[in-house]
Amino acid sequence: MRTSLRAATAGAVVAATVLAGGTAHATPPGPGVTAKLIAQETVGDTDYIVREITVPPGQATGWHFHDGPLYGYVQQGTLSHFDSTCASDGVYTKGSALQEPPGPGNVHIGRNLGDVPLVLTVLYVLPHGAPFSQDAPNPGCPFE
């Protein structure tokens, strides 16, 4: 488990230097959005958690933000990412890496506008005990 966590962390950090954007899990996600725990390690006051997130076609993560940075990799499908201005701030296809900065000033939503399930591998770097995400209200966008 430690080797896979190191590999995921290293890959996510390298990818984060190349691209910015992201996705995550929040409430209320669309029907059928699931998350599977892959690995978890606490070092000092920081939790490193790797999860696989699946978003069915036509569904979304819900509006949210994170208390720590998030790094992701698109295994399948296409992630359409939107910020709190309702503008697209990234479209990520299979093989793309992405990064989301932390904090309530970075509210966003990840949407699957395609016709196949979106599958992401996500590394959360969070303060120990923090939730994966914090719910946020829709900032006035015409979509959820």
N, C-alpha and C. Protein backbone atom coordinates (compact mmCIF):
# COMPACT_ATOMS: atom_id res chain seq x y z
N MET A 1 0.83 -1.18 0.00
CA MET A 1 0.00 0.00 0.00
C MET A 1 0.87 1.25 0.00
N ARG A 2 1.97 1.22 0.76
CA ARG A 2 2.85 2.37 0.84
C ARG A 2 3.46 2.70 -0.52
N THR A 3 3.83 1.68 -1.29
CA THR A 3 4.40 1.92 -2.62
C THR A 3 3.39 2.57 -3.55
N SER A 4 2.14 2.08 -3.53
CA SER A 4 1.13 2.67 -4.40
C SER A 4 0.80 4.09 -3.99
N LEU A 5 0.82 4.39 -2.68
CA LEU A 5 0.59 5.76 -2.23
C LEU A 5 1.72 6.67 -2.68
N ARG A 6 2.96 6.20 -2.56
CA ARG A 6 4.10 7.01 -3.03
C ARG A 6 4.01 7.26 -4.53
N ALA A 7 3.67 6.22 -5.30
CA ALA A 7 3.56 6.38 -6.74
C ALA A 7 2.44 7.36 -7.10
N ALA A 8 1.30 7.24 -6.43
CA ALA A 8 0.19 8.16 -6.71
C ALA A 8 0.57 9.59 -6.34
N THR A 9 1.24 9.75 -5.20
CA THR A 9 1.64 11.09 -4.77
C THR A 9 2.64 11.69 -5.75
N ALA A 10 3.64 10.93 -6.13
CA ALA A 10 4.65 11.44 -7.06
C ALA A 10 4.02 11.80 -8.40
N GLY A 11 3.17 10.93 -8.91
CA GLY A 11 2.51 11.20 -10.19
C GLY A 11 1.63 12.42 -10.13
N ALA A 12 0.91 12.58 -9.04
CA ALA A 12 0.02 13.73 -8.91
C ALA A 12 0.80 15.02 -8.79
N VAL A 13 1.91 15.01 -8.07
CA VAL A 13 2.71 16.22 -7.92
C VAL A 13 3.32 16.63 -9.26
N VAL A 14 3.83 15.67 -10.00
CA VAL A 14 4.37 15.97 -11.33
C VAL A 14 3.27 16.51 -12.23
N ALA A 15 2.12 15.85 -12.23
CA ALA A 15 1.01 16.30 -13.06
C ALA A 15 0.53 17.69 -12.68
N ALA A 16 0.55 17.99 -11.41
CA ALA A 16 0.08 19.30 -10.95
C ALA A 16 0.94 20.44 -11.47
N THR A 17 2.18 20.16 -11.77
CA THR A 17 3.03 21.22 -12.30
C THR A 17 2.72 21.50 -13.77
N VAL A 18 1.98 20.59 -14.40
CA VAL A 18 1.66 20.74 -15.82
C VAL A 18 0.29 21.35 -16.05
N LEU A 19 -0.70 20.91 -15.28
CA LEU A 19 -2.08 21.33 -15.52
C LEU A 19 -2.72 21.85 -14.24
N ALA A 20 -3.77 22.66 -14.38
CA ALA A 20 -4.58 23.09 -13.24
C ALA A 20 -6.04 22.83 -13.57
N GLY A 21 -6.83 22.54 -12.56
CA GLY A 21 -8.26 22.28 -12.73
C GLY A 21 -8.73 21.32 -11.68
N GLY A 22 -9.74 20.44 -11.96
CA GLY A 22 -10.06 19.44 -10.99
C GLY A 22 -11.47 18.93 -10.89
N THR A 23 -11.62 18.01 -9.95
CA THR A 23 -12.91 17.52 -9.55
C THR A 23 -12.83 16.90 -8.18
N ALA A 24 -13.99 16.56 -7.61
CA ALA A 24 -14.05 15.95 -6.31
C ALA A 24 -15.44 15.46 -6.00
N HIS A 25 -15.57 14.91 -4.76
CA HIS A 25 -16.86 14.41 -4.34
C HIS A 25 -17.47 15.36 -3.32
N ALA A 26 -18.75 15.69 -3.43
CA ALA A 26 -19.44 16.54 -2.47
C ALA A 26 -20.90 16.15 -2.41
N THR A 27 -21.61 16.71 -1.47
CA THR A 27 -23.04 16.47 -1.36
C THR A 27 -23.76 17.72 -1.78
N PRO A 28 -24.78 17.69 -2.58
CA PRO A 28 -25.30 16.44 -3.13
C PRO A 28 -24.73 16.14 -4.50
N PRO A 29 -24.01 15.05 -4.63
CA PRO A 29 -23.60 14.64 -5.97
C PRO A 29 -24.82 14.09 -6.71
N GLY A 30 -24.68 13.96 -8.01
CA GLY A 30 -25.76 13.38 -8.80
C GLY A 30 -25.96 11.92 -8.48
N PRO A 31 -27.09 11.35 -8.85
CA PRO A 31 -27.35 9.93 -8.62
C PRO A 31 -26.28 9.05 -9.24
N GLY A 32 -25.82 8.07 -8.48
CA GLY A 32 -24.86 7.11 -9.00
C GLY A 32 -23.41 7.50 -8.87
N VAL A 33 -23.11 8.71 -8.37
CA VAL A 33 -21.71 9.11 -8.16
C VAL A 33 -21.18 8.29 -6.98
N THR A 34 -20.05 7.61 -7.20
CA THR A 34 -19.49 6.74 -6.17
C THR A 34 -18.01 7.04 -5.95
N ALA A 35 -17.52 6.62 -4.78
CA ALA A 35 -16.10 6.76 -4.44
C ALA A 35 -15.63 5.49 -3.76
N LYS A 36 -14.44 5.04 -4.14
CA LYS A 36 -13.85 3.84 -3.56
C LYS A 36 -12.49 4.21 -2.98
N LEU A 37 -12.26 3.89 -1.72
CA LEU A 37 -10.98 4.16 -1.08
C LEU A 37 -9.91 3.22 -1.63
N ILE A 38 -8.78 3.79 -2.07
CA ILE A 38 -7.67 3.00 -2.60
C ILE A 38 -6.55 2.91 -1.56
N ALA A 39 -6.19 4.04 -0.97
CA ALA A 39 -5.11 4.07 0.01
C ALA A 39 -5.29 5.27 0.92
N GLN A 40 -4.77 5.13 2.16
CA GLN A 40 -4.84 6.24 3.11
C GLN A 40 -3.64 6.16 4.04
N GLU A 41 -3.02 7.31 4.27
CA GLU A 41 -1.85 7.39 5.14
C GLU A 41 -1.86 8.75 5.82
N THR A 42 -1.55 8.77 7.10
CA THR A 42 -1.42 10.02 7.83
C THR A 42 0.05 10.20 8.18
N VAL A 43 0.58 11.38 7.82
CA VAL A 43 1.95 11.73 8.15
C VAL A 43 1.89 13.05 8.90
N GLY A 44 2.27 13.02 10.17
CA GLY A 44 2.17 14.23 10.98
C GLY A 44 0.71 14.66 11.07
N ASP A 45 0.44 15.88 10.68
CA ASP A 45 -0.92 16.44 10.72
C ASP A 45 -1.61 16.43 9.36
N THR A 46 -1.11 15.61 8.43
CA THR A 46 -1.66 15.59 7.07
C THR A 46 -2.12 14.20 6.68
N ASP A 47 -3.34 14.13 6.13
CA ASP A 47 -3.89 12.89 5.59
C ASP A 47 -3.66 12.87 4.08
N TYR A 48 -3.12 11.77 3.58
CA TYR A 48 -2.95 11.53 2.15
C TYR A 48 -3.90 10.39 1.80
N ILE A 49 -4.90 10.69 0.98
CA ILE A 49 -5.94 9.71 0.69
C ILE A 49 -6.11 9.60 -0.82
N VAL A 50 -6.06 8.37 -1.33
CA VAL A 50 -6.28 8.12 -2.75
C VAL A 50 -7.64 7.42 -2.89
N ARG A 51 -8.49 7.98 -3.75
CA ARG A 51 -9.82 7.42 -4.00
C ARG A 51 -10.07 7.34 -5.51
N GLU A 52 -10.92 6.41 -5.89
CA GLU A 52 -11.40 6.34 -7.27
C GLU A 52 -12.83 6.86 -7.27
N ILE A 53 -13.07 7.91 -8.05
CA ILE A 53 -14.38 8.55 -8.14
C ILE A 53 -14.99 8.19 -9.50
N THR A 54 -16.25 7.75 -9.49
CA THR A 54 -16.96 7.46 -10.73
C THR A 54 -18.20 8.35 -10.81
N VAL A 55 -18.33 9.06 -11.93
CA VAL A 55 -19.46 9.95 -12.17
C VAL A 55 -20.16 9.45 -13.44
N PRO A 56 -21.42 9.00 -13.30
CA PRO A 56 -22.14 8.51 -14.48
C PRO A 56 -22.40 9.63 -15.49
N PRO A 57 -22.67 9.26 -16.74
CA PRO A 57 -23.00 10.27 -17.75
C PRO A 57 -24.15 11.16 -17.29
N GLY A 58 -24.02 12.45 -17.53
CA GLY A 58 -25.06 13.40 -17.17
C GLY A 58 -25.09 13.82 -15.72
N GLN A 59 -24.17 13.32 -14.91
CA GLN A 59 -24.18 13.64 -13.48
C GLN A 59 -23.01 14.55 -13.11
N ALA A 60 -22.99 15.00 -11.84
CA ALA A 60 -21.96 15.94 -11.38
C ALA A 60 -21.61 15.67 -9.92
N THR A 61 -20.53 16.28 -9.49
CA THR A 61 -20.04 16.11 -8.12
C THR A 61 -20.80 16.93 -7.10
N GLY A 62 -21.50 17.96 -7.53
CA GLY A 62 -22.09 18.93 -6.61
C GLY A 62 -21.09 20.05 -6.37
N TRP A 63 -21.56 21.22 -5.99
CA TRP A 63 -20.69 22.38 -5.73
C TRP A 63 -19.99 22.16 -4.40
N HIS A 64 -18.67 22.40 -4.39
CA HIS A 64 -17.88 22.12 -3.19
C HIS A 64 -16.51 22.79 -3.27
N PHE A 65 -15.76 22.67 -2.17
CA PHE A 65 -14.35 23.04 -2.14
C PHE A 65 -13.64 22.07 -1.20
N HIS A 66 -12.32 22.15 -1.15
CA HIS A 66 -11.51 21.26 -0.32
C HIS A 66 -10.67 22.06 0.67
N ASP A 67 -10.38 21.45 1.82
CA ASP A 67 -9.53 22.09 2.83
C ASP A 67 -8.04 21.92 2.54
N GLY A 68 -7.70 21.15 1.55
CA GLY A 68 -6.32 20.94 1.13
C GLY A 68 -6.30 20.74 -0.37
N PRO A 69 -5.11 20.75 -0.98
CA PRO A 69 -5.04 20.56 -2.43
C PRO A 69 -5.48 19.15 -2.84
N LEU A 70 -5.96 19.08 -4.06
CA LEU A 70 -6.41 17.82 -4.62
C LEU A 70 -5.72 17.64 -5.96
N TYR A 71 -5.29 16.41 -6.25
CA TYR A 71 -4.64 16.07 -7.52
C TYR A 71 -5.40 14.90 -8.13
N GLY A 72 -5.66 14.95 -9.41
CA GLY A 72 -6.43 13.90 -10.04
C GLY A 72 -5.88 13.46 -11.38
N TYR A 73 -6.35 12.31 -11.81
CA TYR A 73 -5.98 11.72 -13.10
C TYR A 73 -7.25 11.11 -13.70
N VAL A 74 -7.53 11.44 -14.95
CA VAL A 74 -8.72 10.92 -15.63
C VAL A 74 -8.39 9.55 -16.24
N GLN A 75 -8.99 8.51 -15.68
CA GLN A 75 -8.79 7.16 -16.18
C GLN A 75 -9.69 6.85 -17.38
N GLN A 76 -10.90 7.45 -17.36
CA GLN A 76 -11.88 7.15 -18.41
C GLN A 76 -12.85 8.33 -18.50
N GLY A 77 -13.31 8.62 -19.70
CA GLY A 77 -14.31 9.66 -19.89
C GLY A 77 -13.70 11.05 -19.97
N THR A 78 -14.57 12.05 -19.79
CA THR A 78 -14.16 13.46 -19.87
C THR A 78 -14.75 14.21 -18.69
N LEU A 79 -13.90 14.94 -17.98
CA LEU A 79 -14.31 15.79 -16.87
C LEU A 79 -14.45 17.21 -17.37
N SER A 80 -15.63 17.80 -17.18
CA SER A 80 -15.85 19.22 -17.47
C SER A 80 -15.91 19.92 -16.12
N HIS A 81 -14.99 20.86 -15.89
CA HIS A 81 -14.82 21.51 -14.59
C HIS A 81 -15.25 22.97 -14.71
N PHE A 82 -16.04 23.43 -13.73
CA PHE A 82 -16.56 24.80 -13.73
C PHE A 82 -16.27 25.47 -12.40
N ASP A 83 -15.91 26.76 -12.46
CA ASP A 83 -15.66 27.52 -11.24
C ASP A 83 -16.91 28.29 -10.83
N SER A 84 -16.79 29.08 -9.76
CA SER A 84 -17.95 29.76 -9.19
C SER A 84 -18.48 30.91 -10.05
N THR A 85 -17.81 31.23 -11.16
CA THR A 85 -18.35 32.24 -12.09
C THR A 85 -19.22 31.57 -13.16
N CYS A 86 -19.38 30.26 -13.06
CA CYS A 86 -20.14 29.43 -14.01
C CYS A 86 -19.36 29.18 -15.29
N ALA A 87 -18.11 29.64 -15.34
CA ALA A 87 -17.28 29.45 -16.54
C ALA A 87 -16.54 28.12 -16.46
N SER A 88 -16.37 27.51 -17.61
CA SER A 88 -15.54 26.31 -17.68
C SER A 88 -14.09 26.72 -17.44
N ASP A 89 -13.45 26.05 -16.50
CA ASP A 89 -12.02 26.33 -16.28
C ASP A 89 -11.17 25.11 -16.58
N GLY A 90 -11.74 24.16 -17.34
CA GLY A 90 -10.96 23.02 -17.79
C GLY A 90 -11.83 21.88 -18.29
N VAL A 91 -11.37 21.24 -19.34
CA VAL A 91 -11.98 20.01 -19.85
C VAL A 91 -10.84 19.00 -19.92
N TYR A 92 -11.01 17.90 -19.21
CA TYR A 92 -9.94 16.91 -19.05
C TYR A 92 -10.40 15.57 -19.60
N THR A 93 -9.66 15.06 -20.57
CA THR A 93 -9.98 13.78 -21.20
C THR A 93 -9.10 12.68 -20.62
N LYS A 94 -9.39 11.44 -21.02
CA LYS A 94 -8.63 10.29 -20.54
C LYS A 94 -7.13 10.55 -20.66
N GLY A 95 -6.42 10.28 -19.56
CA GLY A 95 -4.97 10.48 -19.52
C GLY A 95 -4.56 11.85 -19.02
N SER A 96 -5.51 12.74 -18.79
CA SER A 96 -5.19 14.09 -18.30
C SER A 96 -5.01 14.10 -16.79
N ALA A 97 -4.13 14.96 -16.33
CA ALA A 97 -3.94 15.21 -14.90
C ALA A 97 -4.50 16.58 -14.56
N LEU A 98 -4.92 16.75 -13.33
CA LEU A 98 -5.49 18.02 -12.90
C LEU A 98 -5.17 18.28 -11.44
N GLN A 99 -5.36 19.55 -11.05
CA GLN A 99 -5.09 19.98 -9.68
C GLN A 99 -6.13 20.99 -9.27
N GLU A 100 -6.57 20.92 -8.01
CA GLU A 100 -7.49 21.91 -7.46
C GLU A 100 -6.86 22.54 -6.23
N PRO A 101 -6.84 23.87 -6.16
CA PRO A 101 -6.32 24.53 -4.97
C PRO A 101 -7.34 24.47 -3.83
N PRO A 102 -6.88 24.59 -2.59
CA PRO A 102 -7.79 24.50 -1.45
C PRO A 102 -8.48 25.83 -1.12
N GLY A 103 -9.50 25.70 -0.28
CA GLY A 103 -10.13 26.86 0.33
C GLY A 103 -11.48 27.24 -0.24
N PRO A 104 -12.26 27.96 0.57
CA PRO A 104 -13.61 28.36 0.16
C PRO A 104 -13.64 29.35 -1.00
N GLY A 105 -12.50 29.94 -1.35
CA GLY A 105 -12.41 30.81 -2.51
C GLY A 105 -12.29 30.03 -3.81
N ASN A 106 -12.27 28.70 -3.71
CA ASN A 106 -12.11 27.85 -4.90
C ASN A 106 -13.28 26.88 -5.04
N VAL A 107 -14.50 27.39 -4.95
CA VAL A 107 -15.70 26.58 -5.13
C VAL A 107 -15.79 26.16 -6.59
N HIS A 108 -16.16 24.90 -6.81
CA HIS A 108 -16.20 24.37 -8.17
C HIS A 108 -17.15 23.17 -8.22
N ILE A 109 -17.37 22.71 -9.45
CA ILE A 109 -18.17 21.50 -9.71
C ILE A 109 -17.51 20.75 -10.86
N GLY A 110 -17.53 19.44 -10.76
CA GLY A 110 -17.08 18.58 -11.85
C GLY A 110 -18.29 17.93 -12.47
N ARG A 111 -18.39 17.97 -13.80
CA ARG A 111 -19.55 17.42 -14.51
C ARG A 111 -19.11 16.41 -15.56
N ASN A 112 -19.93 15.39 -15.74
CA ASN A 112 -19.71 14.43 -16.81
C ASN A 112 -20.75 14.73 -17.89
N LEU A 113 -20.33 15.46 -18.91
CA LEU A 113 -21.23 15.81 -20.00
C LEU A 113 -21.16 14.81 -21.15
N GLY A 114 -20.37 13.76 -20.95
CA GLY A 114 -20.19 12.75 -21.99
C GLY A 114 -21.20 11.62 -21.89
N ASP A 115 -20.96 10.56 -22.67
CA ASP A 115 -21.89 9.43 -22.69
C ASP A 115 -21.29 8.15 -22.12
N VAL A 116 -20.12 8.24 -21.48
CA VAL A 116 -19.52 7.10 -20.78
C VAL A 116 -19.22 7.55 -19.34
N PRO A 117 -19.14 6.60 -18.40
CA PRO A 117 -18.81 6.99 -17.04
C PRO A 117 -17.44 7.69 -16.97
N LEU A 118 -17.36 8.71 -16.14
CA LEU A 118 -16.11 9.40 -15.85
C LEU A 118 -15.48 8.70 -14.66
N VAL A 119 -14.23 8.28 -14.79
CA VAL A 119 -13.53 7.61 -13.70
C VAL A 119 -12.25 8.39 -13.42
N LEU A 120 -12.10 8.83 -12.17
CA LEU A 120 -10.95 9.62 -11.75
C LEU A 120 -10.21 8.92 -10.62
N THR A 121 -8.90 9.01 -10.62
CA THR A 121 -8.10 8.66 -9.46
C THR A 121 -7.72 9.98 -8.82
N VAL A 122 -8.03 10.14 -7.54
CA VAL A 122 -7.87 11.43 -6.87
C VAL A 122 -7.01 11.26 -5.63
N LEU A 123 -6.02 12.15 -5.47
CA LEU A 123 -5.21 12.22 -4.25
C LEU A 123 -5.63 13.47 -3.50
N TYR A 124 -6.12 13.28 -2.27
CA TYR A 124 -6.47 14.38 -1.38
C TYR A 124 -5.31 14.57 -0.41
N VAL A 125 -4.87 15.81 -0.23
CA VAL A 125 -3.84 16.15 0.75
C VAL A 125 -4.52 17.10 1.73
N LEU A 126 -4.96 16.56 2.86
CA LEU A 126 -5.85 17.29 3.76
C LEU A 126 -5.29 17.41 5.17
N PRO A 127 -5.68 18.46 5.87
CA PRO A 127 -5.38 18.49 7.30
C PRO A 127 -5.98 17.25 7.96
N HIS A 128 -5.27 16.67 8.91
CA HIS A 128 -5.73 15.44 9.54
C HIS A 128 -7.17 15.56 10.03
N GLY A 129 -8.01 14.63 9.60
CA GLY A 129 -9.39 14.58 10.04
C GLY A 129 -10.35 15.43 9.24
N ALA A 130 -9.86 16.20 8.28
CA ALA A 130 -10.75 17.05 7.46
C ALA A 130 -11.60 16.18 6.54
N PRO A 131 -12.80 16.64 6.19
CA PRO A 131 -13.61 15.89 5.24
C PRO A 131 -13.01 15.97 3.84
N PHE A 132 -13.44 15.06 2.96
CA PHE A 132 -12.95 15.08 1.58
C PHE A 132 -13.29 16.39 0.90
N SER A 133 -14.46 16.94 1.20
CA SER A 133 -14.89 18.20 0.60
C SER A 133 -15.86 18.90 1.53
N GLN A 134 -16.07 20.19 1.27
CA GLN A 134 -17.05 20.99 2.00
C GLN A 134 -18.12 21.39 1.00
N ASP A 135 -19.36 21.15 1.33
CA ASP A 135 -20.47 21.53 0.45
C ASP A 135 -20.51 23.05 0.28
N ALA A 136 -20.94 23.48 -0.89
CA ALA A 136 -21.13 24.90 -1.17
C ALA A 136 -22.42 25.04 -1.96
N PRO A 137 -23.12 26.16 -1.77
CA PRO A 137 -24.34 26.36 -2.56
C PRO A 137 -24.00 26.68 -4.01
N ASN A 138 -24.93 26.39 -4.89
CA ASN A 138 -24.78 26.77 -6.29
C ASN A 138 -24.61 28.29 -6.31
N PRO A 139 -23.54 28.79 -6.93
CA PRO A 139 -23.28 30.23 -6.94
C PRO A 139 -24.17 31.01 -7.91
N GLY A 140 -25.19 30.39 -8.45
CA GLY A 140 -26.09 31.06 -9.37
C GLY A 140 -25.98 30.56 -10.80
N CYS A 141 -25.33 29.44 -10.99
CA CYS A 141 -25.18 28.88 -12.32
C CYS A 141 -26.46 28.16 -12.75
N PRO A 142 -26.73 28.10 -14.06
CA PRO A 142 -27.96 27.46 -14.53
C PRO A 142 -27.85 25.94 -14.59
N PHE A 143 -26.88 25.36 -13.89
CA PHE A 143 -26.70 23.91 -13.85
C PHE A 143 -26.25 23.50 -12.47
N GLU A 144 -26.46 22.24 -12.16
CA GLU A 144 -26.03 21.65 -10.89
C GLU A 144 -24.91 20.68 -11.15
